Amino acid sequence: AAAAPDVRSALSARAGERPAEKRPGFFVFAPGLRHGAADLTNHPALRCDPAALGRWDAPDGGVAEEVVATRLKMLKREQKLAPDAWDPLRGPGWPGVYSDRSARGLRDVDPRDVAARDSLAEALRLWGDIQAADPAQPYTFPLRCRVASATSGADLFDAVAWLAAVAPDARRAAGLGVLAADVVGDEGVVVLSCQGAAAAAAAAAIRPSWPSISAW
C-alpha cells in the first residue's frame, strides 16, 4: 500500500516558510474572513481535517495523499462546492496567525481574507473570534514560553522551527510548522500549525526540548 505523505511536506508544515526578503508584521488569514469572523463559515470552503481523513497519525501511516485528495473531491461534491473551492490539502494558503506577510501560507490567498493587526496579541484575539465561529477548524494553535530577555521574535521563530524539524516525536505531529512568534519581556508566544488531528502530538513533540512551553 502507498504510504502517507511525508509529514514535513504538508501544506501546514510549509506555511510559515519565509523568503530572504521578509515583510514583518502580524496577520490573520482564514477563508471567508472578508465577511467578518462571525460569518466566515458562509464562505464556500471545505473545512475539514485531512490528517484525520487519512489516519496519518496511525501506526501504519494511514493512506496516501492521493486517496485523501479523492475523498476531499467527494466531500466538495456532497457539499455542492466548486472543485477549486479552498481545502486544507491544496489551499490556497493555510489559515492561521502569521508574523510575516511574505510567508508561504499567505502568498497566494485573496488579500480580502487577510487582516493585519498591530500586535500578536491582537491577532490572536481575532483568531479566537474565528475559532468561536468555526470551532471545528483545526489549523493553528498558540503556545507560550519563557525566554531570555535579549531574545527577539525572529530568534524565537527560528528556534521553534528548528525544534519542529528535529524533535524526535515531530514526525507524529502531521504537518507541524511555525507561523508566528513574538517576545514581550521574558515571555514568548509562538503560533504552530499542524493538521488538526495531530495538535496534541504537535505540542508534545517539542515540549521535552523546551519544558517551559505551555498552552497560551
Protein backbone atom coordinates (compact mmCIF):
# COMPACT_ATOMS: atom_id res chain seq x y z
CA ALA A 1 0.00 0.00 0.00
CA ALA A 2 1.15 3.54 -0.70
CA ALA A 3 2.44 5.39 2.32
CA ALA A 4 1.07 8.66 3.64
CA PRO A 5 2.96 11.79 2.54
CA ASP A 6 5.99 12.98 4.43
CA VAL A 7 4.51 14.95 7.32
CA ARG A 8 7.04 17.75 6.74
CA SER A 9 5.85 18.29 3.16
CA ALA A 10 2.25 19.01 4.18
CA LEU A 11 0.88 22.47 3.41
CA SER A 12 0.64 23.30 7.11
CA ALA A 13 4.31 22.46 7.69
CA ARG A 14 5.44 24.76 4.88
CA ALA A 15 3.01 27.61 5.54
CA GLY A 16 5.41 29.60 7.74
CA GLU A 17 8.35 29.46 5.32
CA ARG A 18 9.63 32.96 4.54
CA PRO A 19 11.85 34.27 1.72
CA ALA A 20 15.07 36.17 2.39
CA GLU A 21 13.22 39.47 1.96
CA LYS A 22 10.76 39.48 4.84
CA ARG A 23 7.69 41.65 5.47
CA PRO A 24 7.28 41.52 9.27
CA GLY A 25 4.00 42.31 10.96
CA PHE A 26 1.04 40.42 12.39
CA PHE A 27 -1.55 38.95 10.04
CA VAL A 28 -4.54 36.63 10.24
CA PHE A 29 -5.81 34.53 7.34
CA ALA A 30 -8.96 32.44 7.13
CA PRO A 31 -11.02 31.59 4.03
CA GLY A 32 -14.02 33.93 4.12
CA LEU A 33 -12.58 36.41 6.64
CA ARG A 34 -13.61 39.15 4.17
CA HIS A 35 -17.15 38.65 5.53
CA GLY A 36 -16.04 39.08 9.14
CA ALA A 37 -15.08 36.44 11.69
CA ALA A 38 -18.68 35.75 12.71
CA ASP A 39 -19.79 34.98 9.14
CA LEU A 40 -16.76 33.33 7.56
CA THR A 41 -18.33 29.85 7.60
CA ASN A 42 -20.81 31.12 4.98
CA HIS A 43 -17.92 31.36 2.54
CA PRO A 44 -17.62 28.37 0.16
CA ALA A 45 -14.69 26.37 1.53
CA LEU A 46 -14.13 22.79 2.59
CA ARG A 47 -13.35 22.91 6.30
CA CYS A 48 -12.06 19.54 7.42
CA ASP A 49 -9.01 17.69 8.70
CA PRO A 50 -7.11 15.75 6.01
CA ALA A 51 -4.89 14.07 8.61
CA ALA A 52 -7.95 12.60 10.30
CA LEU A 53 -9.41 11.54 6.96
CA GLY A 54 -6.13 9.87 6.02
CA ARG A 55 -5.35 8.49 9.52
CA TRP A 56 -1.85 9.95 9.11
CA ASP A 57 -1.14 9.54 12.82
CA ALA A 58 -1.92 5.80 12.74
CA PRO A 59 0.92 3.31 13.34
CA ASP A 60 0.68 2.13 9.74
CA GLY A 61 0.95 5.68 8.38
CA GLY A 62 -2.61 5.80 7.11
CA VAL A 63 -3.45 6.22 3.44
CA ALA A 64 -1.73 8.02 0.59
CA GLU A 65 -2.28 11.71 -0.07
CA GLU A 66 -3.91 10.87 -3.42
CA VAL A 67 -6.59 8.87 -1.56
CA VAL A 68 -7.28 11.81 0.76
CA ALA A 69 -7.43 14.17 -2.23
CA THR A 70 -10.07 11.93 -3.81
CA ARG A 71 -12.08 11.96 -0.58
CA LEU A 72 -11.90 15.75 -0.47
CA LYS A 73 -13.23 15.95 -4.02
CA MET A 74 -16.14 13.74 -2.99
CA LEU A 75 -16.82 15.96 0.03
CA LYS A 76 -16.86 19.03 -2.22
CA ARG A 77 -19.41 17.41 -4.49
CA GLU A 78 -21.54 16.39 -1.49
CA GLN A 79 -21.42 19.94 -0.14
CA LYS A 80 -22.05 21.40 -3.63
CA LEU A 81 -18.73 23.26 -3.60
CA ALA A 82 -16.80 24.20 -6.72
CA PRO A 83 -13.82 21.93 -7.50
CA ASP A 84 -11.43 24.84 -6.84
CA ALA A 85 -13.00 25.83 -3.50
CA TRP A 86 -10.47 26.19 -0.71
CA ASP A 87 -9.47 22.99 1.07
CA PRO A 88 -6.74 22.23 3.65
CA LEU A 89 -4.84 19.90 1.35
CA ARG A 90 -4.40 22.22 -1.63
CA GLY A 91 -5.18 25.67 -0.20
CA PRO A 92 -4.54 28.26 -1.43
CA GLY A 93 -2.91 29.28 1.82
CA TRP A 94 -3.12 27.95 5.34
CA PRO A 95 -5.45 29.52 7.95
CA GLY A 96 -3.70 31.00 10.94
CA VAL A 97 -1.82 33.84 12.58
CA TYR A 98 1.44 34.95 10.95
CA SER A 99 4.31 37.28 11.82
CA ASP A 100 5.43 37.79 8.20
CA ARG A 101 3.22 38.82 5.26
CA SER A 102 5.56 37.08 2.82
CA ALA A 103 5.07 33.65 4.44
CA ARG A 104 4.15 30.86 2.05
CA GLY A 105 0.78 30.36 3.74
CA LEU A 106 -0.26 33.92 2.84
CA ARG A 107 1.40 34.31 -0.54
CA ASP A 108 -1.38 33.17 -2.88
CA VAL A 109 -4.50 33.91 -0.84
CA ASP A 110 -7.14 36.51 -1.59
CA PRO A 111 -5.95 39.65 0.24
CA ARG A 112 -9.54 40.33 1.30
CA ASP A 113 -9.23 37.33 3.62
CA VAL A 114 -6.09 38.67 5.35
CA ALA A 115 -6.37 41.05 8.31
CA ALA A 116 -3.39 43.00 9.68
CA ARG A 117 -3.08 43.70 13.39
CA ASP A 118 -0.70 45.85 15.45
CA SER A 119 0.42 43.05 17.77
CA LEU A 120 0.44 39.29 18.01
CA ALA A 121 -1.93 39.53 20.97
CA GLU A 122 -4.48 41.42 18.83
CA ALA A 123 -4.06 38.91 16.01
CA LEU A 124 -4.69 36.04 18.43
CA ARG A 125 -7.82 37.76 19.73
CA LEU A 126 -9.14 37.84 16.17
CA TRP A 127 -8.17 34.19 15.79
CA GLY A 128 -10.19 33.45 18.93
CA ASP A 129 -13.21 35.05 17.26
CA ILE A 130 -12.62 32.84 14.21
CA GLN A 131 -12.44 29.73 16.39
CA ALA A 132 -15.67 30.74 18.15
CA ALA A 133 -17.42 30.94 14.78
CA ASP A 134 -15.87 27.75 13.44
CA PRO A 135 -14.81 25.55 16.40
CA ALA A 136 -14.16 22.60 14.09
CA GLN A 137 -11.25 24.33 12.38
CA PRO A 138 -8.04 22.54 13.37
CA TYR A 139 -5.37 24.61 11.72
CA THR A 140 -3.49 26.78 14.25
CA PHE A 141 -2.67 26.82 17.95
CA PRO A 142 -0.55 29.21 20.06
CA LEU A 143 1.85 28.33 22.88
CA ARG A 144 3.73 30.48 25.37
CA CYS A 145 7.20 30.01 26.81
CA ARG A 146 9.83 31.76 28.90
CA VAL A 147 12.78 33.22 27.00
CA ALA A 148 15.90 35.21 27.76
CA SER A 149 15.25 38.96 27.79
CA ALA A 150 17.51 39.56 24.77
CA THR A 151 15.57 37.08 22.60
CA SER A 152 13.77 38.57 19.60
CA GLY A 153 10.64 37.28 17.92
CA ALA A 154 12.77 36.24 14.94
CA ASP A 155 15.11 34.31 17.25
CA LEU A 156 12.17 32.50 18.84
CA PHE A 157 10.64 31.70 15.44
CA ASP A 158 13.89 30.15 14.20
CA ALA A 159 14.45 28.19 17.42
CA VAL A 160 10.99 26.61 17.46
CA ALA A 161 11.09 25.95 13.71
CA TRP A 162 14.35 24.06 14.27
CA LEU A 163 12.77 22.06 17.11
CA ALA A 164 9.76 21.24 14.93
CA ALA A 165 12.13 19.83 12.33
CA VAL A 166 14.40 17.78 14.60
CA ALA A 167 12.40 16.82 17.71
CA PRO A 168 12.25 13.00 17.96
CA ASP A 169 8.44 12.94 18.10
CA ALA A 170 7.87 15.66 15.49
CA ARG A 171 7.07 13.15 12.76
CA ARG A 172 3.98 12.03 14.73
CA ALA A 173 2.66 15.59 14.53
CA ALA A 174 1.37 15.59 10.96
CA GLY A 175 2.30 18.79 9.16
CA LEU A 176 3.87 20.55 12.16
CA GLY A 177 5.14 24.04 11.33
CA VAL A 178 5.64 27.52 12.80
CA LEU A 179 3.62 30.52 11.62
CA ALA A 180 4.45 33.33 14.03
CA ALA A 181 6.47 34.31 17.07
CA ASP A 182 6.81 37.38 19.26
CA VAL A 183 8.51 38.26 22.54
CA VAL A 184 7.36 40.73 25.20
CA GLY A 185 9.75 40.96 28.13
CA ASP A 186 10.72 37.43 29.10
CA GLU A 187 7.62 35.80 27.64
CA GLY A 188 7.48 34.45 24.14
CA VAL A 189 4.42 33.40 22.18
CA VAL A 190 4.75 31.08 19.22
CA VAL A 191 1.97 30.03 16.84
CA LEU A 192 2.20 26.49 15.48
CA SER A 193 0.32 24.93 12.60
CA CYS A 194 -0.49 21.29 12.02
CA GLN A 195 -3.18 19.00 10.73
CA GLY A 196 -5.86 19.15 13.40
CA ALA A 197 -5.92 15.53 14.47
CA ALA A 198 -2.28 15.91 15.48
CA ALA A 199 -2.49 19.11 17.55
CA ALA A 200 -1.80 17.38 20.87
CA ALA A 201 1.07 15.41 19.37
CA ALA A 202 2.48 18.62 17.90
CA ALA A 203 2.76 20.28 21.28
CA ALA A 204 4.10 17.11 22.88
CA ALA A 205 6.73 16.77 20.16
CA ILE A 206 8.62 19.91 21.15
CA ARG A 207 7.83 20.13 24.87
CA PRO A 208 10.61 17.73 26.04
CA SER A 209 13.17 20.01 24.38
CA TRP A 210 11.60 23.20 25.74
CA PRO A 211 9.92 22.39 29.09
CA SER A 212 8.62 25.92 29.69
CA ILE A 213 6.31 25.74 26.65
CA SER A 214 2.63 25.64 27.66
CA ALA A 215 -0.81 26.48 26.31
CA TRP A 216 -1.34 30.15 25.50
